[in-house]
PDB file of N, CA and C in Angstrom:
ATOM      1  N   MET A   1       0.137 -14.062 -21.299  1.00  0.00           N
ATOM      2  CA  MET A   1       0.416 -12.896 -20.497  1.00  0.00           C
ATOM      3  C   MET A   1       0.902 -11.789 -21.422  1.00  0.00           C
ATOM      4  N   SER A   2       0.318 -10.613 -21.274  1.00  0.00           N
ATOM      5  CA  SER A   2       0.767  -9.497 -22.099  1.00  0.00           C
ATOM      6  C   SER A   2       1.994  -8.850 -21.462  1.00  0.00           C
ATOM      7  N   THR A   3       2.765  -8.171 -22.281  1.00  0.00           N
ATOM      8  CA  THR A   3       3.986  -7.525 -21.800  1.00  0.00           C
ATOM      9  C   THR A   3       3.857  -6.013 -21.916  1.00  0.00           C
ATOM     10  N   ILE A   4       4.709  -5.311 -21.163  1.00  0.00           N
ATOM     11  CA  ILE A   4       4.788  -3.860 -21.270  1.00  0.00           C
ATOM     12  C   ILE A   4       6.212  -3.506 -21.662  1.00  0.00           C
ATOM     13  N   THR A   5       6.383  -2.321 -22.167  1.00  0.00           N
ATOM     14  CA  THR A   5       7.728  -1.881 -22.530  1.00  0.00           C
ATOM     15  C   THR A   5       8.465  -1.410 -21.282  1.00  0.00           C
ATOM     16  N   PHE A   6       9.781  -1.317 -21.388  1.00  0.00           N
ATOM     17  CA  PHE A   6      10.579  -0.795 -20.282  1.00  0.00           C
ATOM     18  C   PHE A   6      10.175   0.643 -19.979  1.00  0.00           C
ATOM     19  N   GLU A   7       9.839   1.397 -21.017  1.00  0.00           N
ATOM     20  CA  GLU A   7       9.403   2.779 -20.830  1.00  0.00           C
ATOM     21  C   GLU A   7       8.107   2.833 -20.016  1.00  0.00           C
ATOM     22  N   ASP A   8       7.189   1.882 -20.262  1.00  0.00           N
ATOM     23  CA  ASP A   8       5.961   1.816 -19.464  1.00  0.00           C
ATOM     24  C   ASP A   8       6.290   1.518 -18.004  1.00  0.00           C
ATOM     25  N   PHE A   9       7.197   0.584 -17.768  1.00  0.00           N
ATOM     26  CA  PHE A   9       7.596   0.239 -16.407  1.00  0.00           C
ATOM     27  C   PHE A   9       8.178   1.452 -15.685  1.00  0.00           C
ATOM     28  N   GLN A  10       8.962   2.243 -16.397  1.00  0.00           N
ATOM     29  CA  GLN A  10       9.596   3.410 -15.787  1.00  0.00           C
ATOM     30  C   GLN A  10       8.585   4.465 -15.337  1.00  0.00           C
ATOM     31  N   LYS A  11       7.364   4.404 -15.858  1.00  0.00           N
ATOM     32  CA  LYS A  11       6.327   5.353 -15.451  1.00  0.00           C
ATOM     33  C   LYS A  11       5.818   5.075 -14.037  1.00  0.00           C
ATOM     34  N   LEU A  12       6.024   3.850 -13.545  1.00  0.00           N
ATOM     35  CA  LEU A  12       5.556   3.486 -12.212  1.00  0.00           C
ATOM     36  C   LEU A  12       6.488   4.067 -11.163  1.00  0.00           C
ATOM     37  N   ASP A  13       5.941   4.826 -10.229  1.00  0.00           N
ATOM     38  CA  ASP A  13       6.726   5.376  -9.123  1.00  0.00           C
ATOM     39  C   ASP A  13       6.440   4.526  -7.891  1.00  0.00           C
ATOM     40  N   LEU A  14       7.320   3.564  -7.644  1.00  0.00           N
ATOM     41  CA  LEU A  14       7.188   2.648  -6.514  1.00  0.00           C
ATOM     42  C   LEU A  14       8.110   3.109  -5.397  1.00  0.00           C
ATOM     43  N   ARG A  15       7.567   3.209  -4.184  1.00  0.00           N
ATOM     44  CA  ARG A  15       8.331   3.684  -3.028  1.00  0.00           C
ATOM     45  C   ARG A  15       8.056   2.792  -1.823  1.00  0.00           C
ATOM     46  N   ILE A  16       8.991   2.802  -0.888  1.00  0.00           N
ATOM     47  CA  ILE A  16       8.766   2.129   0.380  1.00  0.00           C
ATOM     48  C   ILE A  16       8.029   3.098   1.294  1.00  0.00           C
ATOM     49  N   GLY A  17       6.944   2.629   1.859  1.00  0.00           N
ATOM     50  CA  GLY A  17       6.188   3.413   2.824  1.00  0.00           C
ATOM     51  C   GLY A  17       6.188   2.720   4.171  1.00  0.00           C
ATOM     52  N   THR A  18       6.103   3.509   5.227  1.00  0.00           N
ATOM     53  CA  THR A  18       5.993   2.973   6.580  1.00  0.00           C
ATOM     54  C   THR A  18       4.594   3.281   7.099  1.00  0.00           C
ATOM     55  N   ILE A  19       3.869   2.239   7.488  1.00  0.00           N
ATOM     56  CA  ILE A  19       2.504   2.421   7.977  1.00  0.00           C
ATOM     57  C   ILE A  19       2.552   3.106   9.340  1.00  0.00           C
ATOM     58  N   GLU A  20       1.864   4.237   9.441  1.00  0.00           N
ATOM     59  CA  GLU A  20       1.802   5.000  10.691  1.00  0.00           C
ATOM     60  C   GLU A  20       0.582   4.625  11.522  1.00  0.00           C
ATOM     61  N   SER A  21      -0.541   4.374  10.851  1.00  0.00           N
ATOM     62  CA  SER A  21      -1.762   3.981  11.556  1.00  0.00           C
ATOM     63  C   SER A  21      -2.660   3.206  10.604  1.00  0.00           C
ATOM     64  N   ALA A  22      -3.575   2.450  11.195  1.00  0.00           N
ATOM     65  CA  ALA A  22      -4.520   1.658  10.406  1.00  0.00           C
ATOM     66  C   ALA A  22      -5.839   1.578  11.164  1.00  0.00           C
ATOM     67  N   GLU A  23      -6.925   1.611  10.411  1.00  0.00           N
ATOM     68  CA  GLU A  23      -8.249   1.459  11.015  1.00  0.00           C
ATOM     69  C   GLU A  23      -9.187   0.843   9.995  1.00  0.00           C
ATOM     70  N   ARG A  24     -10.233   0.224  10.502  1.00  0.00           N
ATOM     71  CA  ARG A  24     -11.229  -0.375   9.616  1.00  0.00           C
ATOM     72  C   ARG A  24     -12.018   0.718   8.895  1.00  0.00           C
ATOM     73  N   VAL A  25     -12.454   0.402   7.690  1.00  0.00           N
ATOM     74  CA  VAL A  25     -13.333   1.297   6.935  1.00  0.00           C
ATOM     75  C   VAL A  25     -14.764   0.889   7.268  1.00  0.00           C
ATOM     76  N   GLU A  26     -15.541   1.840   7.744  1.00  0.00           N
ATOM     77  CA  GLU A  26     -16.910   1.561   8.160  1.00  0.00           C
ATOM     78  C   GLU A  26     -17.717   0.949   7.020  1.00  0.00           C
ATOM     79  N   GLY A  27     -18.401  -0.154   7.321  1.00  0.00           N
ATOM     80  CA  GLY A  27     -19.261  -0.809   6.351  1.00  0.00           C
ATOM     81  C   GLY A  27     -18.542  -1.700   5.358  1.00  0.00           C
ATOM     82  N   ALA A  28     -17.238  -1.936   5.571  1.00  0.00           N
ATOM     83  CA  ALA A  28     -16.466  -2.773   4.642  1.00  0.00           C
ATOM     84  C   ALA A  28     -15.706  -3.838   5.433  1.00  0.00           C
ATOM     85  N   ASP A  29     -15.955  -5.101   5.122  1.00  0.00           N
ATOM     86  CA  ASP A  29     -15.299  -6.200   5.838  1.00  0.00           C
ATOM     87  C   ASP A  29     -13.835  -6.370   5.459  1.00  0.00           C
ATOM     88  N   LYS A  30     -13.489  -6.040   4.220  1.00  0.00           N
ATOM     89  CA  LYS A  30     -12.135  -6.323   3.727  1.00  0.00           C
ATOM     90  C   LYS A  30     -11.208  -5.115   3.709  1.00  0.00           C
ATOM     91  N   LEU A  31     -11.750  -3.908   3.894  1.00  0.00           N
ATOM     92  CA  LEU A  31     -10.939  -2.703   3.698  1.00  0.00           C
ATOM     93  C   LEU A  31     -10.383  -2.127   4.996  1.00  0.00           C
ATOM     94  N   LEU A  32      -9.130  -1.675   4.915  1.00  0.00           N
ATOM     95  CA  LEU A  32      -8.508  -0.907   5.982  1.00  0.00           C
ATOM     96  C   LEU A  32      -8.052   0.427   5.417  1.00  0.00           C
ATOM     97  N   LYS A  33      -8.168   1.460   6.232  1.00  0.00           N
ATOM     98  CA  LYS A  33      -7.637   2.781   5.899  1.00  0.00           C
ATOM     99  C   LYS A  33      -6.272   2.884   6.563  1.00  0.00           C
ATOM    100  N   LEU A  34      -5.238   3.131   5.760  1.00  0.00           N
ATOM    101  CA  LEU A  34      -3.866   3.211   6.252  1.00  0.00           C
ATOM    102  C   LEU A  34      -3.328   4.618   6.061  1.00  0.00           C
ATOM    103  N   GLU A  35      -2.645   5.136   7.064  1.00  0.00           N
ATOM    104  CA  GLU A  35      -1.863   6.362   6.923  1.00  0.00           C
ATOM    105  C   GLU A  35      -0.424   5.900   6.764  1.00  0.00           C
ATOM    106  N   VAL A  36       0.199   6.275   5.650  1.00  0.00           N
ATOM    107  CA  VAL A  36       1.516   5.757   5.290  1.00  0.00           C
ATOM    108  C   VAL A  36       2.489   6.910   5.089  1.00  0.00           C
ATOM    109  N   SER A  37       3.631   6.832   5.766  1.00  0.00           N
ATOM    110  CA  SER A  37       4.688   7.828   5.583  1.00  0.00           C
ATOM    111  C   SER A  37       5.535   7.438   4.385  1.00  0.00           C
ATOM    112  N   LEU A  38       5.756   8.416   3.512  1.00  0.00           N
ATOM    113  CA  LEU A  38       6.645   8.227   2.366  1.00  0.00           C
ATOM    114  C   LEU A  38       7.865   9.133   2.497  1.00  0.00           C
ATOM    115  N   GLY A  39       8.242   9.421   3.731  1.00  0.00           N
ATOM    116  CA  GLY A  39       9.385  10.289   3.982  1.00  0.00           C
ATOM    117  C   GLY A  39       8.973  11.736   4.022  1.00  0.00           C
ATOM    118  N   SER A  40       8.924  12.377   2.868  1.00  0.00           N
ATOM    119  CA  SER A  40       8.609  13.805   2.796  1.00  0.00           C
ATOM    120  C   SER A  40       7.113  14.092   2.875  1.00  0.00           C
ATOM    121  N   GLU A  41       6.283  13.063   2.811  1.00  0.00           N
ATOM    122  CA  GLU A  41       4.831  13.245   2.868  1.00  0.00           C
ATOM    123  C   GLU A  41       4.170  11.993   3.418  1.00  0.00           C
ATOM    124  N   SER A  42       2.923  12.146   3.825  1.00  0.00           N
ATOM    125  CA  SER A  42       2.105  11.006   4.239  1.00  0.00           C
ATOM    126  C   SER A  42       0.934  10.885   3.285  1.00  0.00           C
ATOM    127  N   ARG A  43       0.489   9.661   3.087  1.00  0.00           N
ATOM    128  CA  ARG A  43      -0.639   9.392   2.190  1.00  0.00           C
ATOM    129  C   ARG A  43      -1.646   8.502   2.897  1.00  0.00           C
ATOM    130  N   THR A  44      -2.906   8.661   2.504  1.00  0.00           N
ATOM    131  CA  THR A  44      -3.955   7.750   2.930  1.00  0.00           C
ATOM    132  C   THR A  44      -4.133   6.710   1.836  1.00  0.00           C
ATOM    133  N   LEU A  45      -4.092   5.435   2.219  1.00  0.00           N
ATOM    134  CA  LEU A  45      -4.353   4.335   1.295  1.00  0.00           C
ATOM    135  C   LEU A  45      -5.533   3.540   1.831  1.00  0.00           C
ATOM    136  N   VAL A  46      -6.369   3.052   0.945  1.00  0.00           N
ATOM    137  CA  VAL A  46      -7.423   2.117   1.308  1.00  0.00           C
ATOM    138  C   VAL A  46      -7.049   0.796   0.654  1.00  0.00           C
ATOM    139  N   ALA A  47      -6.941  -0.248   1.474  1.00  0.00           N
ATOM    140  CA  ALA A  47      -6.453  -1.532   0.966  1.00  0.00           C
ATOM    141  C   ALA A  47      -7.322  -2.681   1.469  1.00  0.00           C
ATOM    142  N   GLY A  48      -7.521  -3.664   0.611  1.00  0.00           N
ATOM    143  CA  GLY A  48      -8.325  -4.833   0.945  1.00  0.00           C
ATOM    144  C   GLY A  48      -7.522  -5.901   1.661  1.00  0.00           C
ATOM    145  N   VAL A  49      -7.025  -5.568   2.840  1.00  0.00           N
ATOM    146  CA  VAL A  49      -6.161  -6.501   3.582  1.00  0.00           C
ATOM    147  C   VAL A  49      -6.723  -6.883   4.949  1.00  0.00           C
ATOM    148  N   ALA A  50      -7.952  -6.483   5.261  1.00  0.00           N
ATOM    149  CA  ALA A  50      -8.511  -6.713   6.598  1.00  0.00           C
ATOM    150  C   ALA A  50      -8.728  -8.184   6.925  1.00  0.00           C
ATOM    151  N   GLU A  51      -8.820  -9.048   5.919  1.00  0.00           N
ATOM    152  CA  GLU A  51      -8.971 -10.482   6.189  1.00  0.00           C
ATOM    153  C   GLU A  51      -7.665 -11.107   6.679  1.00  0.00           C
ATOM    154  N   SER A  52      -6.547 -10.454   6.387  1.00  0.00           N
ATOM    155  CA  SER A  52      -5.242 -10.999   6.761  1.00  0.00           C
ATOM    156  C   SER A  52      -4.577 -10.261   7.916  1.00  0.00           C
ATOM    157  N   TYR A  53      -4.934  -8.994   8.117  1.00  0.00           N
ATOM    158  CA  TYR A  53      -4.235  -8.166   9.105  1.00  0.00           C
ATOM    159  C   TYR A  53      -5.227  -7.405   9.974  1.00  0.00           C
ATOM    160  N   ARG A  54      -4.941  -7.355  11.278  1.00  0.00           N
ATOM    161  CA  ARG A  54      -5.699  -6.516  12.203  1.00  0.00           C
ATOM    162  C   ARG A  54      -5.064  -5.130  12.198  1.00  0.00           C
ATOM    163  N   PRO A  55      -5.855  -4.083  12.324  1.00  0.00           N
ATOM    164  CA  PRO A  55      -5.290  -2.726  12.277  1.00  0.00           C
ATOM    165  C   PRO A  55      -4.142  -2.505  13.257  1.00  0.00           C
ATOM    166  N   GLU A  56      -4.237  -3.066  14.449  1.00  0.00           N
ATOM    167  CA  GLU A  56      -3.223  -2.821  15.471  1.00  0.00           C
ATOM    168  C   GLU A  56      -1.877  -3.478  15.182  1.00  0.00           C
ATOM    169  N   GLU A  57      -1.823  -4.442  14.260  1.00  0.00           N
ATOM    170  CA  GLU A  57      -0.543  -5.091  13.960  1.00  0.00           C
ATOM    171  C   GLU A  57       0.210  -4.433  12.800  1.00  0.00           C
ATOM    172  N   LEU A  58      -0.370  -3.432  12.159  1.00  0.00           N
ATOM    173  CA  LEU A  58       0.248  -2.845  10.972  1.00  0.00           C
ATOM    174  C   LEU A  58       1.177  -1.655  11.209  1.00  0.00           C
ATOM    175  N   PRO A  59       0.927  -0.777  12.184  1.00  0.00           N
ATOM    176  CA  PRO A  59       1.847   0.361  12.355  1.00  0.00           C
ATOM    177  C   PRO A  59       3.299  -0.090  12.534  1.00  0.00           C
ATOM    178  N   GLY A  60       4.184   0.589  11.792  1.00  0.00           N
ATOM    179  CA  GLY A  60       5.605   0.256  11.807  1.00  0.00           C
ATOM    180  C   GLY A  60       6.037  -0.650  10.675  1.00  0.00           C
ATOM    181  N   LYS A  61       5.090  -1.368  10.064  1.00  0.00           N
ATOM    182  CA  LYS A  61       5.451  -2.240   8.937  1.00  0.00           C
ATOM    183  C   LYS A  61       5.776  -1.390   7.717  1.00  0.00           C
ATOM    184  N   GLN A  62       6.742  -1.860   6.947  1.00  0.00           N
ATOM    185  CA  GLN A  62       7.079  -1.196   5.691  1.00  0.00           C
ATOM    186  C   GLN A  62       6.459  -1.966   4.540  1.00  0.00           C
ATOM    187  N   ILE A  63       5.984  -1.221   3.546  1.00  0.00           N
ATOM    188  CA  ILE A  63       5.294  -1.806   2.402  1.00  0.00           C
ATOM    189  C   ILE A  63       5.764  -1.138   1.118  1.00  0.00           C
ATOM    190  N   VAL A  64       5.463  -1.784  -0.001  1.00  0.00           N
ATOM    191  CA  VAL A  64       5.732  -1.215  -1.323  1.00  0.00           C
ATOM    192  C   VAL A  64       4.460  -0.506  -1.785  1.00  0.00           C
ATOM    193  N   VAL A  65       4.613   0.776  -2.189  1.00  0.00           N
ATOM    194  CA  VAL A  65       3.462   1.598  -2.570  1.00  0.00           C
ATOM    195  C   VAL A  65       3.662   2.159  -3.975  1.00  0.00           C
ATOM    196  N   LEU A  66       2.633   2.031  -4.807  1.00  0.00           N
ATOM    197  CA  LEU A  66       2.589   2.729  -6.092  1.00  0.00           C
ATOM    198  C   LEU A  66       2.032   4.114  -5.796  1.00  0.00           C
ATOM    199  N   VAL A  67       2.880   5.142  -5.908  1.00  0.00           N
ATOM    200  CA  VAL A  67       2.472   6.479  -5.465  1.00  0.00           C
ATOM    201  C   VAL A  67       1.901   7.354  -6.576  1.00  0.00           C
ATOM    202  N   ASN A  68       2.122   7.007  -7.836  1.00  0.00           N
ATOM    203  CA  ASN A  68       1.610   7.879  -8.897  1.00  0.00           C
ATOM    204  C   ASN A  68       0.363   7.311  -9.577  1.00  0.00           C
ATOM    205  N   LEU A  69      -0.438   6.594  -8.811  1.00  0.00           N
ATOM    206  CA  LEU A  69      -1.735   6.125  -9.280  1.00  0.00           C
ATOM    207  C   LEU A  69      -2.764   7.218  -8.986  1.00  0.00           C
ATOM    208  N   GLU A  70      -3.669   7.465  -9.923  1.00  0.00           N
ATOM    209  CA  GLU A  70      -4.658   8.512  -9.672  1.00  0.00           C
ATOM    210  C   GLU A  70      -5.524   8.130  -8.474  1.00  0.00           C
ATOM    211  N   PRO A  71      -5.942   9.124  -7.673  1.00  0.00           N
ATOM    212  CA  PRO A  71      -6.744   8.842  -6.481  1.00  0.00           C
ATOM    213  C   PRO A  71      -8.062   8.159  -6.835  1.00  0.00           C
ATOM    214  N   LYS A  72      -8.536   7.339  -5.893  1.00  0.00           N
ATOM    215  CA  LYS A  72      -9.817   6.656  -6.062  1.00  0.00           C
ATOM    216  C   LYS A  72     -10.523   6.658  -4.713  1.00  0.00           C
ATOM    217  N   THR A  73     -11.825   6.927  -4.730  1.00  0.00           N
ATOM    218  CA  THR A  73     -12.605   6.930  -3.500  1.00  0.00           C
ATOM    219  C   THR A  73     -13.265   5.571  -3.318  1.00  0.00           C
ATOM    220  N   LEU A  74     -12.997   4.952  -2.166  1.00  0.00           N
ATOM    221  CA  LEU A  74     -13.559   3.651  -1.815  1.00  0.00           C
ATOM    222  C   LEU A  74     -14.317   3.797  -0.505  1.00  0.00           C
ATOM    223  N   ARG A  75     -15.603   3.492  -0.515  1.00  0.00           N
ATOM    224  CA  ARG A  75     -16.441   3.592   0.686  1.00  0.00           C
ATOM    225  C   ARG A  75     -16.319   4.959   1.356  1.00  0.00           C
ATOM    226  N   GLY A  76     -16.220   5.999   0.534  1.00  0.00           N
ATOM    227  CA  GLY A  76     -16.176   7.354   1.047  1.00  0.00           C
ATOM    228  C   GLY A  76     -14.810   7.845   1.495  1.00  0.00           C
ATOM    229  N   VAL A  77     -13.773   7.026   1.320  1.00  0.00           N
ATOM    230  CA  VAL A  77     -12.419   7.408   1.722  1.00  0.00           C
ATOM    231  C   VAL A  77     -11.553   7.497   0.475  1.00  0.00           C
ATOM    232  N   GLU A  78     -10.868   8.638   0.283  1.00  0.00           N
ATOM    233  CA  GLU A  78      -9.997   8.787  -0.880  1.00  0.00           C
ATOM    234  C   GLU A  78      -8.680   8.063  -0.639  1.00  0.00           C
ATOM    235  N   SER A  79      -8.333   7.171  -1.563  1.00  0.00           N
ATOM    236  CA  SER A  79      -7.080   6.428  -1.512  1.00  0.00           C
ATOM    237  C   SER A  79      -6.102   7.073  -2.484  1.00  0.00           C
ATOM    238  N   ASN A  80      -4.903   7.378  -1.985  1.00  0.00           N
ATOM    239  CA  ASN A  80      -3.896   8.080  -2.783  1.00  0.00           C
ATOM    240  C   ASN A  80      -2.671   7.213  -3.009  1.00  0.00           C
ATOM    241  N   GLY A  81      -2.887   6.050  -3.592  1.00  0.00           N
ATOM    242  CA  GLY A  81      -1.819   5.109  -3.888  1.00  0.00           C
ATOM    243  C   GLY A  81      -2.344   3.698  -3.739  1.00  0.00           C
ATOM    244  N   MET A  82      -1.472   2.736  -4.005  1.00  0.00           N
ATOM    245  CA  MET A  82      -1.848   1.331  -3.893  1.00  0.00           C
ATOM    246  C   MET A  82      -0.676   0.553  -3.327  1.00  0.00           C
ATOM    247  N   LEU A  83      -0.965  -0.280  -2.326  1.00  0.00           N
ATOM    248  CA  LEU A  83       0.098  -1.134  -1.807  1.00  0.00           C
ATOM    249  C   LEU A  83       0.199  -2.397  -2.645  1.00  0.00           C
ATOM    250  N   PHE A  84       1.339  -3.064  -2.553  1.00  0.00           N
ATOM    251  CA  PHE A  84       1.554  -4.308  -3.272  1.00  0.00           C
ATOM    252  C   PHE A  84       1.457  -5.472  -2.301  1.00  0.00           C
ATOM    253  N   ALA A  85       0.776  -6.524  -2.732  1.00  0.00           N
ATOM    254  CA  ALA A  85       0.620  -7.721  -1.916  1.00  0.00           C
ATOM    255  C   ALA A  85       0.582  -8.929  -2.830  1.00  0.00           C
ATOM    256  N   ALA A  86       1.087 -10.039  -2.317  1.00  0.00           N
ATOM    257  CA  ALA A  86       0.918 -11.326  -2.983  1.00  0.00           C
ATOM    258  C   ALA A  86      -0.406 -11.901  -2.484  1.00  0.00           C
ATOM    259  N   VAL A  87      -0.947 -12.873  -3.190  1.00  0.00           N
ATOM    260  CA  VAL A  87      -2.161 -13.542  -2.735  1.00  0.00           C
ATOM    261  C   VAL A  87      -1.819 -15.014  -2.536  1.00  0.00           C
ATOM    262  N   ALA A  88      -1.931 -15.459  -1.277  1.00  0.00           N
ATOM    263  CA  ALA A  88      -1.650 -16.852  -0.932  1.00  0.00           C
ATOM    264  C   ALA A  88      -2.898 -17.431  -0.275  1.00  0.00           C
ATOM    265  N   ASP A  89      -3.366 -18.544  -0.798  1.00  0.00           N
ATOM    266  CA  ASP A  89      -4.587 -19.177  -0.283  1.00  0.00           C
ATOM    267  C   ASP A  89      -5.758 -18.200  -0.261  1.00  0.00           C
ATOM    268  N   GLY A  90      -5.798 -17.328  -1.268  1.00  0.00           N
ATOM    269  CA  GLY A  90      -6.899 -16.391  -1.407  1.00  0.00           C
ATOM    270  C   GLY A  90      -6.833 -15.170  -0.513  1.00  0.00           C
ATOM    271  N   LYS A  91      -5.733 -15.016   0.249  1.00  0.00           N
ATOM    272  CA  LYS A  91      -5.610 -13.875   1.164  1.00  0.00           C
ATOM    273  C   LYS A  91      -4.355 -13.073   0.849  1.00  0.00           C
ATOM    274  N   PRO A  92      -4.432 -11.734   1.013  1.00  0.00           N
ATOM    275  CA  PRO A  92      -3.274 -10.886   0.709  1.00  0.00           C
ATOM    276  C   PRO A  92      -2.157 -11.036   1.741  1.00  0.00           C
ATOM    277  N   VAL A  93      -0.929 -10.975   1.232  1.00  0.00           N
ATOM    278  CA  VAL A  93       0.282 -10.978   2.058  1.00  0.00           C
ATOM    279  C   VAL A  93       1.102  -9.778   1.605  1.00  0.00           C
ATOM    280  N   LEU A  94       1.362  -8.852   2.514  1.00  0.00           N
ATOM    281  CA  LEU A  94       2.072  -7.625   2.164  1.00  0.00           C
ATOM    282  C   LEU A  94       3.475  -7.906   1.656  1.00  0.00           C
ATOM    283  N   LEU A  95       3.876  -7.197   0.597  1.00  0.00           N
ATOM    284  CA  LEU A  95       5.262  -7.244   0.142  1.00  0.00           C
ATOM    285  C   LEU A  95       6.038  -6.240   0.974  1.00  0.00           C
ATOM    286  N   GLN A  96       7.139  -6.711   1.569  1.00  0.00           N
ATOM    287  CA  GLN A  96       7.919  -5.877   2.473  1.00  0.00           C
ATOM    288  C   GLN A  96       9.399  -6.039   2.175  1.00  0.00           C
ATOM    289  N   PRO A  97      10.201  -4.969   2.375  1.00  0.00           N
ATOM    290  CA  PRO A  97      11.652  -5.129   2.244  1.00  0.00           C
ATOM    291  C   PRO A  97      12.160  -6.043   3.358  1.00  0.00           C
ATOM    292  N   ASP A  98      13.240  -6.781   3.097  1.00  0.00           N
ATOM    293  CA  ASP A  98      13.749  -7.690   4.131  1.00  0.00           C
ATOM    294  C   ASP A  98      14.571  -6.970   5.195  1.00  0.00           C
ATOM    295  N   LYS A  99      14.917  -5.699   4.947  1.00  0.00           N
ATOM    296  CA  LYS A  99      15.585  -4.853   5.931  1.00  0.00           C
ATOM    297  C   LYS A  99      14.885  -3.508   5.926  1.00  0.00           C
ATOM    298  N   GLU A 100      14.886  -2.834   7.081  1.00  0.00           N
ATOM    299  CA  GLU A 100      14.262  -1.513   7.142  1.00  0.00           C
ATOM    300  C   GLU A 100      15.071  -0.514   6.329  1.00  0.00           C
ATOM    301  N   VAL A 101      14.362   0.289   5.551  1.00  0.00           N
ATOM    302  CA  VAL A 101      14.977   1.348   4.748  1.00  0.00           C
ATOM    303  C   VAL A 101      14.211   2.639   5.028  1.00  0.00           C
ATOM    304  N   PRO A 102      14.788   3.795   4.697  1.00  0.00           N
ATOM    305  CA  PRO A 102      14.065   5.047   4.937  1.00  0.00           C
ATOM    306  C   PRO A 102      12.750   5.098   4.152  1.00  0.00           C
ATOM    307  N   ALA A 103      11.696   5.583   4.810  1.00  0.00           N
ATOM    308  CA  ALA A 103      10.419   5.777   4.126  1.00  0.00           C
ATOM    309  C   ALA A 103      10.637   6.707   2.944  1.00  0.00           C
ATOM    310  N   GLY A 104      10.030   6.359   1.816  1.00  0.00           N
ATOM    311  CA  GLY A 104      10.178   7.147   0.597  1.00  0.00           C
ATOM    312  C   GLY A 104      11.238   6.611  -0.343  1.00  0.00           C
ATOM    313  N   THR A 105      11.992   5.593   0.097  1.00  0.00           N
ATOM    314  CA  THR A 105      13.028   5.011  -0.760  1.00  0.00           C
ATOM    315  C   THR A 105      12.398   4.486  -2.042  1.00  0.00           C
ATOM    316  N   LYS A 106      12.991   4.824  -3.179  1.00  0.00           N
ATOM    317  CA  LYS A 106      12.487   4.398  -4.491  1.00  0.00           C
ATOM    318  C   LYS A 106      12.769   2.911  -4.699  1.00  0.00           C
ATOM    319  N   VAL A 107      11.793   2.214  -5.249  1.00  0.00           N
ATOM    320  CA  VAL A 107      11.933   0.803  -5.611  1.00  0.00           C
ATOM    321  C   VAL A 107      12.198   0.750  -7.105  1.00  0.00           C
ATOM    322  N   SER A 108      13.240   0.015  -7.501  1.00  0.00           N
ATOM    323  CA  SER A 108      13.545  -0.079  -8.935  1.00  0.00           C
ATOM    324  C   SER A 108      13.812  -1.512  -9.334  1.00  0.00           C
TER     325      SER A 108
END
């Protein structure tokens, strides 16, 4: 396993986001389009979590988001960040705080 420096780690801007809405991405079995509140702003994320989560069960859930990742277009939808998930039995499991915190809270 390769390592990174502490300075490299500090470049990551990780925040708690609250999912406001979720919908399937047309033509993609694994992708969901999420609208996520980060407190002072909302972001669109495209995430490969549709095998584990139905869109209707996600609003209100809090997740860990990498917010300073350059945007990427997936299936015609621009994603402005990346959520964090563990993979158990080949399926994603969202990383979530164990208590609700304000959207936009910095993760360190």
